[in-house]
Amino acid sequence: MSNLKLDKDEKDLLATYEADEFESILTPARRKQIREAATSTFKKDKRINIRISGRDLEAIQEEGSNLFTNYNSHFTH
């Protein structure tokens, strides 16, 4: 971690964490709220249809094969 350029506050925070003196103030209620927000962010509850040219689809498929991924994964995020 010595390659990082940290300001004084960041250095203090890192030192506290590394000394195992860091205490989280995250309450169970706030943790639940954050977890629910994260879950709903990635929920796939809508469907869309798009039309693109064959050339564009082939380019997307080519990119997917170059990345060793299924081209559909580009649309599922």
N, C-alpha and C. Protein backbone atom coordinates (compact mmCIF):
# COMPACT_ATOMS: atom_id res chain seq x y z
N MET A 1 0.82 -1.20 0.00
CA MET A 1 0.00 0.00 0.00
C MET A 1 0.85 1.25 0.00
N SER A 2 2.12 1.13 0.06
CA SER A 2 3.00 2.30 0.13
C SER A 2 3.01 3.08 -1.18
N ASN A 3 2.49 2.51 -2.26
CA ASN A 3 2.45 3.21 -3.55
C ASN A 3 1.33 4.25 -3.61
N LEU A 4 0.39 4.17 -2.69
CA LEU A 4 -0.75 5.09 -2.71
C LEU A 4 -0.36 6.44 -2.14
N LYS A 5 -0.91 7.48 -2.75
CA LYS A 5 -0.71 8.83 -2.22
C LYS A 5 -1.94 9.18 -1.40
N LEU A 6 -1.78 9.17 -0.11
CA LEU A 6 -2.89 9.42 0.81
C LEU A 6 -2.69 10.75 1.52
N ASP A 7 -3.82 11.43 1.75
CA ASP A 7 -3.73 12.67 2.54
C ASP A 7 -3.69 12.29 4.03
N LYS A 8 -3.57 13.28 4.88
CA LYS A 8 -3.42 13.02 6.32
C LYS A 8 -4.60 12.25 6.89
N ASP A 9 -5.82 12.65 6.53
CA ASP A 9 -7.00 11.96 7.05
C ASP A 9 -7.04 10.50 6.60
N GLU A 10 -6.68 10.25 5.34
CA GLU A 10 -6.68 8.88 4.83
C GLU A 10 -5.61 8.05 5.53
N LYS A 11 -4.46 8.65 5.77
CA LYS A 11 -3.38 7.94 6.48
C LYS A 11 -3.82 7.60 7.90
N ASP A 12 -4.48 8.54 8.57
CA ASP A 12 -4.98 8.28 9.93
C ASP A 12 -6.00 7.15 9.94
N LEU A 13 -6.90 7.18 8.99
CA LEU A 13 -7.93 6.15 8.90
C LEU A 13 -7.29 4.79 8.63
N LEU A 14 -6.34 4.74 7.71
CA LEU A 14 -5.66 3.49 7.39
C LEU A 14 -4.88 2.97 8.60
N ALA A 15 -4.20 3.84 9.31
CA ALA A 15 -3.45 3.43 10.49
C ALA A 15 -4.38 2.87 11.56
N THR A 16 -5.51 3.51 11.75
CA THR A 16 -6.50 3.04 12.72
C THR A 16 -7.01 1.66 12.33
N TYR A 17 -7.31 1.49 11.05
CA TYR A 17 -7.82 0.20 10.56
C TYR A 17 -6.77 -0.89 10.72
N GLU A 18 -5.54 -0.59 10.31
CA GLU A 18 -4.48 -1.59 10.39
C GLU A 18 -4.12 -1.96 11.83
N ALA A 19 -4.33 -1.04 12.77
CA ALA A 19 -4.07 -1.31 14.18
C ALA A 19 -5.26 -2.03 14.84
N ASP A 20 -6.26 -2.35 14.02
CA ASP A 20 -7.47 -3.03 14.49
C ASP A 20 -8.21 -2.21 15.54
N GLU A 21 -8.17 -0.90 15.37
CA GLU A 21 -8.87 0.01 16.28
C GLU A 21 -10.10 0.64 15.63
N PHE A 22 -10.37 0.24 14.41
CA PHE A 22 -11.50 0.81 13.67
C PHE A 22 -12.79 0.20 14.18
N GLU A 23 -13.76 1.05 14.51
CA GLU A 23 -15.06 0.58 14.96
C GLU A 23 -16.13 1.12 14.04
N SER A 24 -16.91 0.22 13.51
CA SER A 24 -18.00 0.61 12.61
C SER A 24 -19.15 1.22 13.41
N ILE A 25 -19.76 2.24 12.86
CA ILE A 25 -20.94 2.84 13.49
C ILE A 25 -22.21 2.46 12.73
N LEU A 26 -22.07 1.45 11.86
CA LEU A 26 -23.20 0.99 11.07
C LEU A 26 -24.17 0.24 11.97
N THR A 27 -25.39 0.75 12.04
CA THR A 27 -26.41 0.11 12.87
C THR A 27 -27.07 -1.02 12.08
N PRO A 28 -27.67 -1.97 12.78
CA PRO A 28 -28.38 -3.04 12.07
C PRO A 28 -29.48 -2.51 11.15
N ALA A 29 -30.17 -1.45 11.56
CA ALA A 29 -31.23 -0.88 10.72
C ALA A 29 -30.64 -0.28 9.44
N ARG A 30 -29.51 0.42 9.57
CA ARG A 30 -28.87 1.01 8.39
C ARG A 30 -28.31 -0.08 7.49
N ARG A 31 -27.75 -1.13 8.07
CA ARG A 31 -27.24 -2.26 7.29
C ARG A 31 -28.37 -2.89 6.47
N LYS A 32 -29.55 -3.05 7.10
CA LYS A 32 -30.69 -3.62 6.41
C LYS A 32 -31.13 -2.71 5.26
N GLN A 33 -31.15 -1.41 5.51
CA GLN A 33 -31.53 -0.44 4.49
C GLN A 33 -30.57 -0.51 3.29
N ILE A 34 -29.29 -0.57 3.56
CA ILE A 34 -28.30 -0.65 2.49
C ILE A 34 -28.44 -1.95 1.71
N ARG A 35 -28.64 -3.05 2.42
CA ARG A 35 -28.80 -4.36 1.77
C ARG A 35 -30.04 -4.36 0.85
N GLU A 36 -31.15 -3.80 1.32
CA GLU A 36 -32.36 -3.75 0.51
C GLU A 36 -32.17 -2.87 -0.71
N ALA A 37 -31.47 -1.76 -0.56
CA ALA A 37 -31.21 -0.88 -1.70
C ALA A 37 -30.34 -1.60 -2.73
N ALA A 38 -29.34 -2.32 -2.28
CA ALA A 38 -28.46 -3.04 -3.20
C ALA A 38 -29.23 -4.15 -3.91
N THR A 39 -30.08 -4.85 -3.19
CA THR A 39 -30.87 -5.92 -3.79
C THR A 39 -31.81 -5.37 -4.86
N SER A 40 -32.48 -4.28 -4.57
CA SER A 40 -33.42 -3.72 -5.55
C SER A 40 -32.71 -3.11 -6.74
N THR A 41 -31.45 -2.69 -6.55
CA THR A 41 -30.69 -2.13 -7.66
C THR A 41 -30.47 -3.16 -8.75
N PHE A 42 -30.24 -4.41 -8.36
CA PHE A 42 -29.93 -5.45 -9.33
C PHE A 42 -31.13 -6.32 -9.69
N LYS A 43 -32.30 -5.96 -9.21
CA LYS A 43 -33.50 -6.73 -9.52
C LYS A 43 -33.87 -6.52 -10.99
N LYS A 44 -34.10 -7.61 -11.66
CA LYS A 44 -34.47 -7.55 -13.07
C LYS A 44 -35.98 -7.77 -13.18
N ASP A 45 -36.73 -6.70 -13.07
CA ASP A 45 -38.17 -6.82 -13.08
C ASP A 45 -38.83 -6.14 -14.28
N LYS A 46 -38.03 -5.69 -15.23
CA LYS A 46 -38.56 -5.05 -16.43
C LYS A 46 -37.97 -5.71 -17.65
N ARG A 47 -38.73 -5.69 -18.73
CA ARG A 47 -38.28 -6.23 -20.01
C ARG A 47 -38.36 -5.15 -21.06
N ILE A 48 -37.38 -5.13 -21.95
CA ILE A 48 -37.44 -4.20 -23.06
C ILE A 48 -37.09 -4.94 -24.34
N ASN A 49 -37.56 -4.42 -25.44
CA ASN A 49 -37.20 -4.92 -26.76
C ASN A 49 -36.56 -3.78 -27.52
N ILE A 50 -35.47 -4.06 -28.18
CA ILE A 50 -34.83 -3.03 -28.99
C ILE A 50 -34.58 -3.59 -30.39
N ARG A 51 -34.51 -2.69 -31.32
CA ARG A 51 -34.17 -3.08 -32.69
C ARG A 51 -32.84 -2.43 -33.03
N ILE A 52 -31.92 -3.26 -33.51
CA ILE A 52 -30.64 -2.74 -33.96
C ILE A 52 -30.31 -3.36 -35.30
N SER A 53 -29.41 -2.74 -36.01
CA SER A 53 -29.06 -3.27 -37.32
C SER A 53 -28.29 -4.57 -37.16
N GLY A 54 -28.34 -5.38 -38.21
CA GLY A 54 -27.60 -6.64 -38.20
C GLY A 54 -26.11 -6.41 -38.01
N ARG A 55 -25.60 -5.34 -38.61
CA ARG A 55 -24.18 -5.03 -38.49
C ARG A 55 -23.81 -4.74 -37.03
N ASP A 56 -24.66 -3.97 -36.35
CA ASP A 56 -24.40 -3.66 -34.94
C ASP A 56 -24.46 -4.93 -34.08
N LEU A 57 -25.43 -5.79 -34.34
CA LEU A 57 -25.54 -7.04 -33.59
C LEU A 57 -24.30 -7.90 -33.81
N GLU A 58 -23.85 -7.99 -35.05
CA GLU A 58 -22.64 -8.78 -35.34
C GLU A 58 -21.42 -8.21 -34.62
N ALA A 59 -21.34 -6.89 -34.55
CA ALA A 59 -20.22 -6.25 -33.84
C ALA A 59 -20.27 -6.59 -32.35
N ILE A 60 -21.47 -6.58 -31.78
CA ILE A 60 -21.62 -6.92 -30.36
C ILE A 60 -21.28 -8.38 -30.13
N GLN A 61 -21.73 -9.26 -31.02
CA GLN A 61 -21.41 -10.67 -30.89
C GLN A 61 -19.91 -10.91 -31.02
N GLU A 62 -19.28 -10.21 -31.95
CA GLU A 62 -17.83 -10.32 -32.14
C GLU A 62 -17.09 -9.88 -30.88
N GLU A 63 -17.52 -8.76 -30.31
CA GLU A 63 -16.89 -8.27 -29.08
C GLU A 63 -17.04 -9.29 -27.96
N GLY A 64 -18.22 -9.88 -27.85
CA GLY A 64 -18.45 -10.89 -26.83
C GLY A 64 -17.55 -12.10 -27.02
N SER A 65 -17.36 -12.53 -28.26
CA SER A 65 -16.50 -13.69 -28.49
C SER A 65 -15.05 -13.34 -28.21
N ASN A 66 -14.65 -12.09 -28.46
CA ASN A 66 -13.28 -11.68 -28.16
C ASN A 66 -13.04 -11.63 -26.66
N LEU A 67 -14.08 -11.34 -25.90
CA LEU A 67 -13.96 -11.27 -24.44
C LEU A 67 -14.31 -12.59 -23.76
N PHE A 68 -14.62 -13.61 -24.59
CA PHE A 68 -15.02 -14.92 -24.08
C PHE A 68 -16.27 -14.83 -23.21
N THR A 69 -17.18 -13.95 -23.60
CA THR A 69 -18.45 -13.84 -22.90
C THR A 69 -19.58 -13.99 -23.89
N ASN A 70 -20.73 -14.30 -23.38
CA ASN A 70 -21.93 -14.34 -24.21
C ASN A 70 -22.35 -12.90 -24.49
N TYR A 71 -22.64 -12.60 -25.74
CA TYR A 71 -23.00 -11.21 -26.06
C TYR A 71 -24.24 -10.76 -25.31
N ASN A 72 -25.11 -11.68 -24.92
CA ASN A 72 -26.30 -11.29 -24.17
C ASN A 72 -25.95 -10.67 -22.82
N SER A 73 -24.81 -11.04 -22.27
CA SER A 73 -24.43 -10.51 -20.96
C SER A 73 -24.20 -9.01 -21.01
N HIS A 74 -23.94 -8.46 -22.18
CA HIS A 74 -23.77 -7.01 -22.30
C HIS A 74 -25.08 -6.29 -22.06
N PHE A 75 -26.18 -7.00 -22.19
CA PHE A 75 -27.49 -6.36 -22.05
C PHE A 75 -28.17 -6.69 -20.73
N THR A 76 -27.59 -7.54 -19.93
CA THR A 76 -28.26 -7.97 -18.72
C THR A 76 -27.80 -7.23 -17.49
N HIS A 77 -26.97 -6.22 -17.64
CA HIS A 77 -26.47 -5.49 -16.47
C HIS A 77 -27.26 -4.25 -16.22
